[in-house]
N, C-alpha and C. Protein backbone atom coordinates (compact mmCIF):
# COMPACT_ATOMS: atom_id res chain seq x y z
N MET A 1 -178.57 48.74 -10.70
CA MET A 1 -178.26 48.78 -9.79
C MET A 1 -179.13 49.33 -8.27
N SER A 2 -179.91 48.67 -7.92
CA SER A 2 -181.03 48.76 -7.11
C SER A 2 -180.73 48.41 -5.41
N LYS A 3 -182.03 49.07 -4.92
CA LYS A 3 -181.91 49.65 -4.00
C LYS A 3 -181.40 47.32 -3.38
N ASP A 4 -182.08 47.05 -3.49
CA ASP A 4 -181.94 45.60 -3.15
C ASP A 4 -180.31 45.21 -2.82
N ASP A 5 -180.19 45.55 -4.20
CA ASP A 5 -178.32 45.62 -5.25
C ASP A 5 -177.69 46.34 -3.20
N PHE A 6 -178.15 47.18 -3.33
CA PHE A 6 -177.16 48.06 -1.97
C PHE A 6 -177.72 47.68 -0.83
N ILE A 7 -179.03 46.83 -0.68
CA ILE A 7 -179.36 46.10 1.41
C ILE A 7 -178.74 44.82 1.14
N ASN A 8 -177.79 44.46 -0.12
CA ASN A 8 -177.07 43.33 -0.84
C ASN A 8 -175.40 43.16 -0.54
N LEU A 9 -175.15 44.57 -0.18
CA LEU A 9 -174.14 45.04 -0.86
C LEU A 9 -173.94 45.08 1.13
N VAL A 10 -174.68 46.12 1.81
CA VAL A 10 -174.89 46.58 3.26
C VAL A 10 -174.58 45.28 4.30
N ASN A 11 -175.62 44.43 3.81
CA ASN A 11 -175.70 43.54 4.18
C ASN A 11 -174.20 42.53 4.39
N SER A 12 -174.01 42.41 3.23
CA SER A 12 -172.44 42.04 3.32
C SER A 12 -171.16 42.20 3.77
N SER A 13 -170.93 43.84 4.20
CA SER A 13 -169.54 44.88 4.16
C SER A 13 -168.92 44.23 4.88
N PHE A 14 -169.33 43.40 6.35
CA PHE A 14 -168.35 43.14 7.50
C PHE A 14 -167.92 42.35 7.15
N ASP A 15 -168.27 41.29 5.22
CA ASP A 15 -167.55 40.29 5.69
C ASP A 15 -166.07 39.77 6.23
N LYS A 16 -165.47 41.07 4.63
CA LYS A 16 -164.33 40.94 4.59
C LYS A 16 -163.01 42.13 5.77
N GLY A 17 -164.03 42.35 5.77
CA GLY A 17 -162.94 43.14 7.17
C GLY A 17 -163.82 44.66 8.15
N THR A 18 -163.62 45.43 8.47
CA THR A 18 -164.89 46.86 8.78
C THR A 18 -164.97 47.97 7.88
N PRO A 19 -165.91 47.95 7.96
CA PRO A 19 -165.86 49.17 6.25
C PRO A 19 -166.24 50.13 6.57
N LEU A 20 -166.10 51.33 6.59
CA LEU A 20 -166.71 52.46 6.49
C LEU A 20 -168.42 54.04 6.02
N TRP A 21 -168.91 53.81 5.94
CA TRP A 21 -170.11 54.10 5.87
C TRP A 21 -170.04 55.40 6.37
N ILE A 22 -170.67 56.44 5.47
CA ILE A 22 -170.75 57.36 5.65
C ILE A 22 -172.78 57.69 5.62
N HIS A 23 -173.46 58.45 6.01
CA HIS A 23 -174.46 59.02 5.58
C HIS A 23 -175.25 60.37 5.70
N THR A 24 -175.45 61.11 4.64
CA THR A 24 -176.50 62.44 4.92
C THR A 24 -177.67 62.99 4.13
N LYS A 25 -177.96 63.89 4.48
CA LYS A 25 -179.66 64.02 4.02
C LYS A 25 -179.35 63.57 2.36
N ASP A 26 -178.22 64.08 1.51
CA ASP A 26 -178.36 63.49 -0.09
C ASP A 26 -177.63 62.21 -0.03
N TYR A 27 -177.07 61.15 0.73
CA TYR A 27 -176.60 59.63 0.03
C TYR A 27 -175.88 59.12 1.16
N ILE A 28 -175.46 58.26 0.89
CA ILE A 28 -174.48 57.46 1.68
C ILE A 28 -173.41 56.92 0.89
N TYR A 29 -172.09 56.58 1.98
CA TYR A 29 -171.23 56.13 0.43
C TYR A 29 -170.59 55.09 1.65
N GLY A 30 -169.80 54.49 1.12
CA GLY A 30 -169.36 52.83 2.06
C GLY A 30 -167.69 52.90 1.12
N MET A 31 -166.95 52.94 2.01
CA MET A 31 -165.91 51.35 1.69
C MET A 31 -165.37 50.36 2.45
N VAL A 32 -165.70 49.15 0.96
CA VAL A 32 -165.94 48.32 1.43
C VAL A 32 -164.10 47.15 1.57
N PRO A 33 -164.34 46.48 2.26
CA PRO A 33 -162.96 46.07 1.89
C PRO A 33 -162.91 44.45 1.26
N ALA A 34 -162.64 44.41 -0.16
CA ALA A 34 -162.83 43.52 -0.84
C ALA A 34 -161.05 42.05 -0.83
N GLU A 35 -161.29 41.59 -2.57
CA GLU A 35 -161.03 40.03 -1.80
C GLU A 35 -159.11 41.33 -2.49
N ASN A 36 -157.76 40.46 -1.89
CA ASN A 36 -156.42 40.63 -2.83
C ASN A 36 -156.33 42.24 -2.39
N ASP A 37 -156.30 43.27 -1.49
CA ASP A 37 -156.01 44.27 -1.20
C ASP A 37 -157.25 45.43 -1.95
N ARG A 38 -157.71 44.77 -2.61
CA ARG A 38 -158.61 45.54 -2.96
C ARG A 38 -159.94 46.14 -2.38
N TRP A 39 -160.66 46.97 -3.19
CA TRP A 39 -161.82 48.03 -1.50
C TRP A 39 -163.20 48.02 -2.72
N VAL A 40 -163.63 48.37 -2.97
CA VAL A 40 -165.21 48.49 -3.27
C VAL A 40 -165.84 49.91 -2.65
N GLU A 41 -165.68 51.18 -3.93
CA GLU A 41 -166.23 52.10 -3.39
C GLU A 41 -167.41 52.26 -3.31
N ILE A 42 -168.65 52.72 -2.71
CA ILE A 42 -169.93 52.11 -2.81
C ILE A 42 -171.09 53.78 -2.65
N SER A 43 -171.32 54.43 -3.93
CA SER A 43 -172.85 55.75 -2.74
C SER A 43 -173.98 54.99 -3.50
N TYR A 44 -174.62 55.45 -2.46
CA TYR A 44 -176.66 55.40 -3.16
C TYR A 44 -176.87 56.91 -2.52
N THR A 45 -176.94 57.42 -4.01
CA THR A 45 -177.31 58.97 -4.04
C THR A 45 -179.33 59.10 -3.81
N PHE A 46 -179.94 59.41 -3.21
CA PHE A 46 -180.94 59.56 -2.68
C PHE A 46 -181.79 60.22 -3.84
N GLU A 47 -180.49 61.41 -4.49
CA GLU A 47 -181.92 62.01 -5.06
C GLU A 47 -181.94 61.25 -6.67
N ASP A 48 -181.76 60.77 -7.60
CA ASP A 48 -180.99 59.95 -8.28
C ASP A 48 -182.49 59.01 -8.79
N PRO A 49 -182.89 58.83 -8.87
CA PRO A 49 -184.25 57.89 -9.02
C PRO A 49 -183.46 56.48 -10.00
N GLU A 50 -182.77 56.74 -11.25
CA GLU A 50 -182.67 55.98 -12.43
C GLU A 50 -181.58 55.49 -12.12
N GLU A 51 -180.31 55.96 -11.56
CA GLU A 51 -179.04 55.38 -10.68
C GLU A 51 -178.69 55.79 -9.90
N PRO A 52 -179.46 55.85 -8.57
CA PRO A 52 -178.68 55.89 -7.27
C PRO A 52 -178.27 54.91 -6.93
N LEU A 53 -177.52 53.76 -7.29
CA LEU A 53 -176.08 53.14 -7.09
C LEU A 53 -174.72 53.14 -7.52
N PHE A 54 -173.61 53.46 -7.69
CA PHE A 54 -172.67 53.20 -8.16
C PHE A 54 -171.91 52.52 -7.22
N THR A 55 -170.21 51.70 -7.38
CA THR A 55 -169.94 50.98 -6.67
C THR A 55 -168.70 50.46 -8.31
N THR A 56 -167.70 51.49 -8.01
CA THR A 56 -166.03 50.45 -7.91
C THR A 56 -165.06 49.73 -7.50
N GLU A 57 -164.79 49.49 -7.88
CA GLU A 57 -163.21 48.63 -7.23
C GLU A 57 -162.33 49.33 -7.12
N ARG A 58 -161.82 49.44 -6.88
CA ARG A 58 -160.08 49.29 -7.44
C ARG A 58 -159.10 48.74 -5.95
N ASN A 59 -157.98 48.52 -5.98
CA ASN A 59 -156.85 48.93 -5.62
C ASN A 59 -156.34 49.35 -3.90
N ALA A 60 -156.05 49.34 -2.79
CA ALA A 60 -156.14 49.29 -2.08
C ALA A 60 -154.64 50.49 -2.36
N ASP A 61 -154.46 51.82 -2.69
CA ASP A 61 -153.49 52.50 -2.64
C ASP A 61 -154.73 53.36 -3.72
N LEU A 62 -155.20 53.76 -4.33
CA LEU A 62 -155.94 54.10 -5.25
C LEU A 62 -157.43 54.35 -4.39
N SER A 63 -158.01 54.17 -3.65
CA SER A 63 -159.25 53.64 -2.92
C SER A 63 -158.45 54.23 -1.32
N PHE A 64 -158.14 54.53 -1.10
CA PHE A 64 -157.12 55.29 0.07
C PHE A 64 -156.83 57.08 -0.47
N GLN A 65 -156.52 57.73 -2.30
CA GLN A 65 -157.00 58.86 -2.42
C GLN A 65 -158.22 59.26 -2.34
N PHE A 66 -159.19 58.20 -3.34
CA PHE A 66 -160.57 58.63 -3.15
C PHE A 66 -161.35 58.37 -1.86
N LEU A 67 -161.08 57.63 -0.36
CA LEU A 67 -161.53 58.45 0.56
C LEU A 67 -161.14 59.71 1.20
N PHE A 68 -159.80 59.86 0.63
CA PHE A 68 -159.43 60.89 1.21
C PHE A 68 -160.44 62.44 1.05
N GLU A 69 -160.50 62.21 -0.55
CA GLU A 69 -160.83 63.06 -1.48
C GLU A 69 -162.99 62.75 -0.71
N GLU A 70 -163.33 61.53 -0.68
CA GLU A 70 -164.38 61.63 0.77
C GLU A 70 -164.57 62.65 1.51
N LEU A 71 -162.91 62.71 2.99
CA LEU A 71 -163.56 63.03 3.40
C LEU A 71 -163.91 64.15 3.41
N SER A 72 -163.00 65.33 2.83
CA SER A 72 -161.94 66.28 3.01
C SER A 72 -162.94 67.28 2.24
N LYS A 73 -163.76 66.59 1.11
CA LYS A 73 -165.10 67.56 -0.32
C LYS A 73 -166.41 66.90 0.94
N GLY A 74 -166.64 66.01 0.13
CA GLY A 74 -167.49 65.93 0.50
C GLY A 74 -168.52 65.85 1.59
N LEU A 75 -167.58 64.88 2.44
CA LEU A 75 -168.26 64.59 3.88
C LEU A 75 -167.78 65.97 4.65
N SER A 76 -166.97 66.53 4.69
CA SER A 76 -167.11 68.63 4.91
C SER A 76 -166.91 69.46 4.79
N PHE A 77 -168.13 69.26 3.10
CA PHE A 77 -169.56 70.20 3.70
C PHE A 77 -170.86 69.81 3.62
N TYR A 78 -170.96 68.52 3.97
CA TYR A 78 -172.16 68.33 5.02
C TYR A 78 -171.70 68.37 6.57
N VAL A 79 -171.31 68.02 7.63
CA VAL A 79 -170.74 68.18 8.45
C VAL A 79 -170.14 69.32 8.58
N GLU A 80 -170.77 70.48 9.72
CA GLU A 80 -170.37 71.56 9.00
C GLU A 80 -168.33 72.02 10.34
N ASP A 81 -168.75 71.21 10.99
CA ASP A 81 -167.74 71.35 12.12
C ASP A 81 -166.49 70.21 12.03
N PHE A 82 -166.38 69.41 11.08
CA PHE A 82 -165.14 67.94 10.63
C PHE A 82 -164.88 68.46 10.40
N ASN A 83 -163.33 68.41 11.17
CA ASN A 83 -162.27 68.44 11.31
C ASN A 83 -161.64 67.68 10.26
N VAL A 84 -160.89 69.09 9.06
CA VAL A 84 -160.55 67.83 7.35
C VAL A 84 -159.12 67.98 7.92
N GLN A 85 -158.01 69.26 9.17
CA GLN A 85 -157.07 68.08 8.94
C GLN A 85 -155.87 68.25 9.53
N LYS A 86 -156.92 67.77 10.50
CA LYS A 86 -156.95 66.94 11.76
C LYS A 86 -156.80 65.52 11.25
N ILE A 87 -157.87 65.62 10.49
CA ILE A 87 -157.91 63.36 9.77
C ILE A 87 -156.85 63.85 8.11
N LYS A 88 -156.47 64.79 8.19
CA LYS A 88 -154.60 64.85 7.78
C LYS A 88 -153.59 64.44 8.02
N ASP A 89 -153.91 65.15 9.61
CA ASP A 89 -152.19 65.45 10.09
C ASP A 89 -152.53 63.43 9.96
N PHE A 90 -154.22 63.62 11.16
CA PHE A 90 -153.96 61.64 11.22
C PHE A 90 -152.99 61.31 10.36
N ALA A 91 -153.29 61.30 9.31
CA ALA A 91 -152.87 60.58 7.90
C ALA A 91 -151.73 60.64 7.49
N LYS A 92 -150.64 61.93 7.72
CA LYS A 92 -149.54 61.61 7.30
C LYS A 92 -148.90 61.32 7.99
N GLY A 93 -149.32 60.26 9.43
CA GLY A 93 -148.61 59.71 10.18
C GLY A 93 -148.19 58.34 9.34
N LEU A 94 -149.17 57.86 8.78
CA LEU A 94 -149.71 56.69 7.66
C LEU A 94 -148.89 55.74 7.04
N GLU A 95 -148.39 57.75 6.64
CA GLU A 95 -147.22 57.63 5.65
C GLU A 95 -146.34 55.97 5.49
N GLY A 96 -146.58 55.29 4.00
CA GLY A 96 -144.99 54.79 4.50
C GLY A 96 -145.64 52.98 3.72
N LYS A 97 -147.18 53.49 4.68
CA LYS A 97 -147.99 52.03 5.03
C LYS A 97 -147.83 51.12 3.94
N PRO A 98 -148.95 49.90 3.91
CA PRO A 98 -149.44 49.45 2.56
C PRO A 98 -151.25 50.28 2.46
N GLY A 99 -151.64 50.38 1.42
CA GLY A 99 -153.04 51.37 1.39
C GLY A 99 -153.41 50.54 2.49
N SER A 100 -153.70 49.55 2.34
CA SER A 100 -155.48 48.29 3.23
C SER A 100 -154.80 48.79 4.36
N GLU A 101 -153.93 49.16 4.84
CA GLU A 101 -153.02 49.12 6.59
C GLU A 101 -153.99 50.26 6.58
N LYS A 102 -153.05 51.89 6.09
CA LYS A 102 -154.00 53.58 6.09
C LYS A 102 -154.93 52.70 5.64
N ILE A 103 -156.07 52.77 5.46
CA ILE A 103 -157.75 52.77 4.50
C ILE A 103 -158.41 51.67 6.38
N ASN A 104 -157.52 50.79 6.92
CA ASN A 104 -157.95 50.43 8.04
C ASN A 104 -157.99 51.37 9.41
N ASP A 105 -156.33 52.01 9.13
CA ASP A 105 -156.06 52.43 10.79
C ASP A 105 -157.43 54.20 10.28
N VAL A 106 -157.23 54.26 9.37
CA VAL A 106 -158.53 55.75 9.02
C VAL A 106 -159.91 55.08 9.46
N ILE A 107 -159.80 54.48 9.11
CA ILE A 107 -161.32 53.76 9.78
C ILE A 107 -161.34 53.68 11.46
N THR A 108 -160.64 52.97 11.17
CA THR A 108 -160.94 52.51 12.68
C THR A 108 -160.94 54.20 14.17
N GLU A 109 -159.43 54.66 13.63
CA GLU A 109 -159.53 56.04 13.94
C GLU A 109 -161.28 56.80 13.26
N LEU A 110 -161.82 57.05 12.79
CA LEU A 110 -163.56 57.32 13.39
C LEU A 110 -164.11 57.33 14.29
N ILE A 111 -164.09 55.51 14.07
CA ILE A 111 -164.60 54.83 14.66
C ILE A 111 -164.50 54.89 15.77
N ASN A 112 -163.55 54.53 16.23
CA ASN A 112 -163.64 54.89 17.85
C ASN A 112 -162.98 56.21 18.50
N ASN A 113 -162.13 57.34 17.45
CA ASN A 113 -162.13 59.19 18.48
C ASN A 113 -162.97 59.39 17.26
N SER A 114 -164.35 59.69 16.74
CA SER A 114 -165.02 60.95 16.29
C SER A 114 -165.25 61.77 16.81
N ILE A 115 -165.25 61.42 18.11
CA ILE A 115 -165.64 62.68 18.64
C ILE A 115 -164.72 63.99 18.55
N ASN A 116 -163.58 63.22 17.97
CA ASN A 116 -161.44 64.17 18.54
C ASN A 116 -161.74 64.95 16.66
N TYR A 117 -162.88 64.85 15.78
CA TYR A 117 -162.99 65.23 14.11
C TYR A 117 -164.74 65.47 13.88
N SER A 118 -165.86 65.76 15.07
CA SER A 118 -166.65 65.92 14.55
C SER A 118 -167.39 65.40 16.39
N SER A 119 -168.54 67.02 16.23
CA SER A 119 -168.88 66.48 17.41
C SER A 119 -170.92 65.59 16.94
N SER A 120 -170.35 65.72 15.72
CA SER A 120 -171.09 64.47 15.25
C SER A 120 -171.10 63.54 13.73
N LEU A 121 -170.49 62.46 13.95
CA LEU A 121 -169.88 61.86 12.68
C LEU A 121 -170.74 61.08 12.31
N PRO A 122 -171.03 61.70 11.14
CA PRO A 122 -172.46 59.98 10.42
C PRO A 122 -171.60 59.28 10.09
N ILE A 123 -171.51 58.28 11.21
CA ILE A 123 -170.74 57.33 10.57
C ILE A 123 -170.82 55.98 11.23
N ILE A 124 -171.89 54.61 10.41
CA ILE A 124 -171.56 53.86 10.81
C ILE A 124 -170.99 53.49 12.37
N LYS A 125 -170.29 52.81 13.46
CA LYS A 125 -169.94 52.18 13.73
C LYS A 125 -169.69 50.59 13.95
N ASN A 126 -170.20 49.47 13.85
CA ASN A 126 -170.73 48.71 14.16
C ASN A 126 -171.53 48.06 12.61
N LYS A 127 -170.99 47.66 12.92
CA LYS A 127 -172.57 45.87 12.26
C LYS A 127 -173.83 46.20 12.89
N ASN A 128 -174.50 46.24 14.08
CA ASN A 128 -176.09 46.78 14.06
C ASN A 128 -176.25 48.06 14.23
N ASP A 129 -175.92 49.08 13.39
CA ASP A 129 -176.05 49.85 12.73
C ASP A 129 -176.69 49.63 11.44
N LEU A 130 -176.19 48.11 10.91
CA LEU A 130 -176.69 48.60 10.07
C LEU A 130 -177.85 49.28 9.01
N ASN A 131 -178.91 48.99 10.33
CA ASN A 131 -180.25 49.00 10.23
C ASN A 131 -180.42 49.70 9.38
N SER A 132 -179.29 51.57 9.54
CA SER A 132 -180.10 52.31 9.80
C SER A 132 -180.34 53.40 8.91
N LEU A 133 -178.65 52.47 8.08
CA LEU A 133 -178.73 52.66 5.74
C LEU A 133 -179.62 52.18 6.11
N LYS A 134 -180.07 50.76 5.50
CA LYS A 134 -181.14 50.13 4.81
C LYS A 134 -182.21 50.93 4.73
N ASN A 135 -182.63 51.23 5.62
CA ASN A 135 -184.12 52.34 6.39
C ASN A 135 -183.73 53.31 5.40
N LYS A 136 -183.14 54.10 5.12
CA LYS A 136 -183.11 55.05 4.81
C LYS A 136 -182.77 54.85 2.43
N VAL A 137 -182.90 54.13 2.36
CA VAL A 137 -183.31 53.42 1.24
C VAL A 137 -184.80 53.27 0.68
């Protein structure tokens, strides 16, 4: 998959709901809603000239697990003050909810209350900010 494929994914990422886009100096990570309680995990790695774009579609429950792995291991590596424990505590309050609802709640929490988790959380907060992702590739 190419740079153009990535840009197309970014452009359509708000079509079925609100995605989460994280950007670091090395990669861009997305969790994008799809059809039928499924989510597409997207990563674009800048230093991989052969295959920079990777996508995987999964059910919501499994996608939630992968999202939390990205937050707790990936993002916390790049954002020194990212409060992993605080987002884990927030997620504990979501137990028993369906996967898509948990993902949507985490995305909403990070977008609306990002300052509670980091002084500089590198996420896209709305559709108007998508150009910053496209300009990175």
